[in-house]
Amino acid sequence: MSQTLPRPPASGIELRTAKRVREQLGGVSEVTLWRFLRDPNLGFPTPVRINKRLYFRADEIDAWIESRQRIPDGEAA
């Protein structure tokens, strides 16, 4: 049985699977993603559950990663 990803809604919102998000975050484990979701201090995007699977809005994940970029050593915040 082949697995297909959900089509983006008519609004053009791109959804990413939890697996794709884990890969995008450097190959973190399922447990690490679970921890990200449960830590309110991280502000990690809330997923959408479709048929018991987690999907994330691509724009929210990209914005979260952008917000977490480190400031290079020696530069003031």
Protein backbone atom coordinates (compact mmCIF):
# COMPACT_ATOMS: atom_id res chain seq x y z
CA MET A 1 0.00 0.00 0.00
CA SER A 2 1.56 3.32 -1.01
CA GLN A 3 1.44 6.30 1.28
CA THR A 4 0.51 9.68 -0.09
CA LEU A 5 0.99 13.01 1.61
CA PRO A 6 -1.96 15.29 2.10
CA ARG A 7 -2.42 17.90 -0.59
CA PRO A 8 -1.99 21.49 0.49
CA PRO A 9 -5.32 23.09 1.30
CA ALA A 10 -6.86 25.39 -1.27
CA SER A 11 -5.32 28.32 0.60
CA GLY A 12 -1.89 27.11 -0.52
CA ILE A 13 -0.64 26.22 2.98
CA GLU A 14 2.15 23.66 2.79
CA LEU A 15 2.10 20.90 5.38
CA ARG A 16 5.18 18.90 6.38
CA THR A 17 5.20 15.51 8.01
CA ALA A 18 6.74 15.07 11.45
CA LYS A 19 9.46 13.01 9.79
CA ARG A 20 10.28 15.85 7.38
CA VAL A 21 10.35 18.36 10.24
CA ARG A 22 12.69 16.10 12.24
CA GLU A 23 15.00 15.90 9.22
CA GLN A 24 14.84 19.68 8.77
CA LEU A 25 15.88 20.11 12.42
CA GLY A 26 19.06 18.14 11.83
CA GLY A 27 17.76 14.61 12.22
CA VAL A 28 16.37 14.90 15.74
CA SER A 29 14.63 11.87 17.19
CA GLU A 30 10.90 11.39 17.69
CA VAL A 31 11.45 11.84 21.43
CA THR A 32 13.21 15.18 20.89
CA LEU A 33 10.33 16.40 18.73
CA TRP A 34 7.93 15.23 21.45
CA ARG A 35 9.93 17.25 24.01
CA PHE A 36 9.85 20.33 21.75
CA LEU A 37 6.07 20.05 21.56
CA ARG A 38 5.68 19.85 25.33
CA ASP A 39 8.06 22.64 26.33
CA PRO A 40 6.05 25.89 26.41
CA ASN A 41 9.26 27.94 26.68
CA LEU A 42 10.35 26.87 23.18
CA GLY A 43 7.23 28.13 21.45
CA PHE A 44 7.37 25.23 18.98
CA PRO A 45 4.57 25.29 16.39
CA THR A 46 1.46 23.25 17.15
CA PRO A 47 0.88 20.41 14.69
CA VAL A 48 -2.30 19.43 12.90
CA ARG A 49 -3.38 15.82 13.40
CA ILE A 50 -4.69 14.09 10.28
CA ASN A 51 -5.52 10.38 10.48
CA LYS A 52 -3.42 10.01 13.67
CA ARG A 53 -0.36 11.58 12.00
CA LEU A 54 1.22 14.90 12.80
CA TYR A 55 1.66 17.59 10.16
CA PHE A 56 3.17 21.02 10.62
CA ARG A 57 2.62 24.22 8.67
CA ALA A 58 5.82 24.80 6.71
CA ASP A 59 5.71 28.58 7.23
CA GLU A 60 5.46 28.15 11.02
CA ILE A 61 8.36 25.69 11.13
CA ASP A 62 10.53 27.94 8.95
CA ALA A 63 9.72 30.97 11.13
CA TRP A 64 10.50 29.04 14.31
CA ILE A 65 13.86 27.90 12.95
CA GLU A 66 14.63 31.46 11.85
CA SER A 67 13.80 32.76 15.33
CA ARG A 68 16.16 30.22 16.89
CA GLN A 69 19.21 31.17 14.84
CA ARG A 70 22.16 31.93 17.06
CA ILE A 71 23.87 35.26 17.09
CA PRO A 72 27.55 34.73 16.15
CA ASP A 73 30.03 35.04 19.03
CA GLY A 74 31.18 38.58 19.64
CA GLU A 75 28.04 40.29 18.28
CA ALA A 76 25.72 42.16 20.60
CA ALA A 77 22.09 41.20 20.73
